[in-house]
C-alpha atoms as a PDB file:
ATOM      1  CA  MET A   1     176.866 119.142  60.037  1.00  0.00           C
ATOM      2  CA  ARG A   2     173.720 120.808  61.375  1.00  0.00           C
ATOM      3  CA  ARG A   3     171.860 120.079  58.153  1.00  0.00           C
ATOM      4  CA  PHE A   4     172.877 116.428  58.384  1.00  0.00           C
ATOM      5  CA  VAL A   5     171.566 116.089  61.947  1.00  0.00           C
ATOM      6  CA  PHE A   6     168.387 117.960  61.032  1.00  0.00           C
ATOM      7  CA  ALA A   7     167.827 115.628  58.068  1.00  0.00           C
ATOM      8  CA  ILE A   8     168.204 112.559  60.306  1.00  0.00           C
ATOM      9  CA  VAL A   9     165.701 113.956  62.808  1.00  0.00           C
ATOM     10  CA  LEU A  10     163.214 114.725  60.033  1.00  0.00           C
ATOM     11  CA  ALA A  11     163.630 111.244  58.584  1.00  0.00           C
ATOM     12  CA  ALA A  12     162.836 109.668  61.959  1.00  0.00           C
ATOM     13  CA  LEU A  13     159.659 111.682  62.566  1.00  0.00           C
ATOM     14  CA  PRO A  14     157.368 109.712  60.232  1.00  0.00           C
ATOM     15  CA  ALA A  15     158.337 106.442  61.911  1.00  0.00           C
ATOM     16  CA  ILE A  16     157.600 107.921  65.324  1.00  0.00           C
ATOM     17  CA  ALA A  17     154.326 109.437  64.160  1.00  0.00           C
ATOM     18  CA  LEU A  18     153.201 106.137  62.629  1.00  0.00           C
ATOM     19  CA  ALA A  19     153.841 104.070  65.750  1.00  0.00           C
ATOM     20  CA  ALA A  20     150.500 102.434  66.463  1.00  0.00           C
ATOM     21  CA  THR A  21     148.790 102.439  69.815  1.00  0.00           C
ATOM     22  CA  LEU A  22     148.368  98.830  70.908  1.00  0.00           C
ATOM     23  CA  THR A  23     145.768  97.118  73.054  1.00  0.00           C
ATOM     24  CA  PRO A  24     146.491  94.832  75.996  1.00  0.00           C
ATOM     25  CA  SER A  25     145.055  91.917  73.957  1.00  0.00           C
ATOM     26  CA  THR A  26     147.582  92.555  71.185  1.00  0.00           C
ATOM     27  CA  LEU A  27     150.482  92.349  73.651  1.00  0.00           C
ATOM     28  CA  VAL A  28     149.140  89.246  75.403  1.00  0.00           C
ATOM     29  CA  ALA A  29     148.572  87.478  72.058  1.00  0.00           C
ATOM     30  CA  ASN A  30     152.252  87.679  71.091  1.00  0.00           C
ATOM     31  CA  PRO A  31     154.298  88.976  74.050  1.00  0.00           C
ATOM     32  CA  SER A  32     157.717  87.806  72.859  1.00  0.00           C
ATOM     33  CA  SER A  33     157.561  90.059  69.787  1.00  0.00           C
ATOM     34  CA  TYR A  34     157.279  93.147  72.034  1.00  0.00           C
ATOM     35  CA  ASP A  35     159.657  92.112  74.850  1.00  0.00           C
ATOM     36  CA  GLY A  36     162.120  94.901  75.665  1.00  0.00           C
ATOM     37  CA  LYS A  37     160.514  97.349  73.226  1.00  0.00           C
ATOM     38  CA  THR A  38     158.908 100.702  73.923  1.00  0.00           C
ATOM     39  CA  VAL A  39     155.169 100.455  73.335  1.00  0.00           C
ATOM     40  CA  THR A  40     152.130 102.695  73.627  1.00  0.00           C
ATOM     41  CA  VAL A  41     149.076 100.912  74.985  1.00  0.00           C
ATOM     42  CA  GLU A  42     145.489 102.027  75.551  1.00  0.00           C
ATOM     43  CA  GLY A  43     142.961 100.343  77.805  1.00  0.00           C
ATOM     44  CA  THR A  44     140.814 100.639  80.908  1.00  0.00           C
ATOM     45  CA  VAL A  45     142.471 101.131  84.310  1.00  0.00           C
ATOM     46  CA  SER A  46     141.701  98.677  87.103  1.00  0.00           C
ATOM     47  CA  ASN A  47     143.153  97.914  90.533  1.00  0.00           C
ATOM     48  CA  PHE A  48     145.060 101.214  90.748  1.00  0.00           C
ATOM     49  CA  GLN A  49     147.322 101.486  93.791  1.00  0.00           C
ATOM     50  CA  THR A  50     150.454 103.279  94.917  1.00  0.00           C
ATOM     51  CA  SER A  51     153.304 101.971  97.042  1.00  0.00           C
ATOM     52  CA  ASN A  52     156.274 103.547  98.739  1.00  0.00           C
ATOM     53  CA  THR A  53     159.322 101.526  97.744  1.00  0.00           C
ATOM     54  CA  LEU A  54     163.081 101.873  97.957  1.00  0.00           C
ATOM     55  CA  MET A  55     162.790 103.509  94.507  1.00  0.00           C
ATOM     56  CA  GLY A  56     160.285 106.061  95.870  1.00  0.00           C
ATOM     57  CA  LYS A  57     156.548 106.209  95.271  1.00  0.00           C
ATOM     58  CA  VAL A  58     155.415 103.863  92.480  1.00  0.00           C
ATOM     59  CA  ALA A  59     151.947 103.358  90.990  1.00  0.00           C
ATOM     60  CA  GLY A  60     150.751  99.998  89.770  1.00  0.00           C
ATOM     61  CA  PHE A  61     147.598  98.961  87.975  1.00  0.00           C
ATOM     62  CA  GLN A  62     146.163  96.742  85.303  1.00  0.00           C
ATOM     63  CA  LEU A  63     145.379  98.093  81.852  1.00  0.00           C
ATOM     64  CA  CYS A  64     142.647  96.032  80.214  1.00  0.00           C
ATOM     65  CA  ASP A  65     140.445  95.448  77.202  1.00  0.00           C
ATOM     66  CA  SER A  66     139.390  91.785  76.905  1.00  0.00           C
ATOM     67  CA  LYS A  67     142.848  90.919  78.381  1.00  0.00           C
ATOM     68  CA  CYS A  68     144.961  92.739  80.963  1.00  0.00           C
ATOM     69  CA  ILE A  69     148.588  93.737  81.340  1.00  0.00           C
ATOM     70  CA  VAL A  70     150.349  95.109  84.412  1.00  0.00           C
ATOM     71  CA  VAL A  71     151.611  98.692  84.414  1.00  0.00           C
ATOM     72  CA  VAL A  72     154.399  99.728  86.796  1.00  0.00           C
ATOM     73  CA  ASP A  73     154.550 103.524  86.755  1.00  0.00           C
ATOM     74  CA  LYS A  74     157.672 104.884  88.416  1.00  0.00           C
ATOM     75  CA  THR A  75     156.372 108.438  87.880  1.00  0.00           C
ATOM     76  CA  ALA A  76     153.467 107.529  90.208  1.00  0.00           C
ATOM     77  CA  ALA A  77     150.932 109.373  88.042  1.00  0.00           C
ATOM     78  CA  THR A  78     147.419 109.182  89.469  1.00  0.00           C
ATOM     79  CA  ARG A  79     144.854 107.133  87.534  1.00  0.00           C
ATOM     80  CA  SER A  80     141.174 106.413  88.129  1.00  0.00           C
ATOM     81  CA  ASN A  81     139.734 102.908  88.077  1.00  0.00           C
ATOM     82  CA  GLY A  82     137.395 102.539  85.107  1.00  0.00           C
ATOM     83  CA  ALA A  83     139.003 105.399  83.158  1.00  0.00           C
ATOM     84  CA  THR A  84     140.572 104.963  79.748  1.00  0.00           C
ATOM     85  CA  ALA A  85     144.330 105.529  79.786  1.00  0.00           C
ATOM     86  CA  THR A  86     147.132 105.523  77.260  1.00  0.00           C
ATOM     87  CA  VAL A  87     150.616 104.715  78.554  1.00  0.00           C
ATOM     88  CA  THR A  88     154.045 104.519  76.961  1.00  0.00           C
ATOM     89  CA  GLY A  89     156.810 102.415  78.447  1.00  0.00           C
ATOM     90  CA  VAL A  90     158.992  99.370  77.969  1.00  0.00           C
ATOM     91  CA  PHE A  91     157.170  96.050  77.701  1.00  0.00           C
ATOM     92  CA  HIS A  92     158.555  93.031  79.570  1.00  0.00           C
ATOM     93  CA  THR A  93     157.238  89.489  79.311  1.00  0.00           C
ATOM     94  CA  SER A  94     158.523  89.135  82.882  1.00  0.00           C
ATOM     95  CA  PHE A  95     159.322  91.999  85.267  1.00  0.00           C
ATOM     96  CA  SER A  96     160.724  91.404  88.755  1.00  0.00           C
ATOM     97  CA  GLY A  97     159.619  93.944  91.319  1.00  0.00           C
ATOM     98  CA  PRO A  98     160.860  94.089  94.897  1.00  0.00           C
ATOM     99  CA  LYS A  99     158.125  91.770  96.202  1.00  0.00           C
ATOM    100  CA  ARG A 100     157.007  89.738  93.189  1.00  0.00           C
ATOM    101  CA  THR A 101     157.445  89.043  89.502  1.00  0.00           C
ATOM    102  CA  PHE A 102     154.853  90.269  87.017  1.00  0.00           C
ATOM    103  CA  LYS A 103     153.999  88.689  83.679  1.00  0.00           C
ATOM    104  CA  ASN A 104     153.325  90.984  80.672  1.00  0.00           C
ATOM    105  CA  ALA A 105     154.202  94.335  82.225  1.00  0.00           C
ATOM    106  CA  VAL A 106     154.793  97.819  80.861  1.00  0.00           C
ATOM    107  CA  VAL A 107     157.250  99.826  82.943  1.00  0.00           C
ATOM    108  CA  ILE A 108     157.100 103.611  82.811  1.00  0.00           C
ATOM    109  CA  GLU A 109     160.348 105.228  83.929  1.00  0.00           C
ATOM    110  CA  ARG A 110     160.740 108.648  85.499  1.00  0.00           C
END
């Protein structure tokens, strides 16, 4: 049984390793194909802010190249405006926060 589980884990590693890092423009160009999927995205941070919510402290910012997406980071990791960042989270074509709804958002869970 252990060998079987080990073989399954090894078989999954190449797929994980080959997962491409996307750009915000790629997501914005065809958002429905990524909706609800875990994605890794790289871009430039802008409009970084933190908020205390009923869920605890949450960070929010835009991640941009020639287009921008919204990032809702429930881990509240600190980012610097103008810095390059790579994030991994679930992409949503529409994400409803406590105060507003965001279009094209990546949500990073704790």
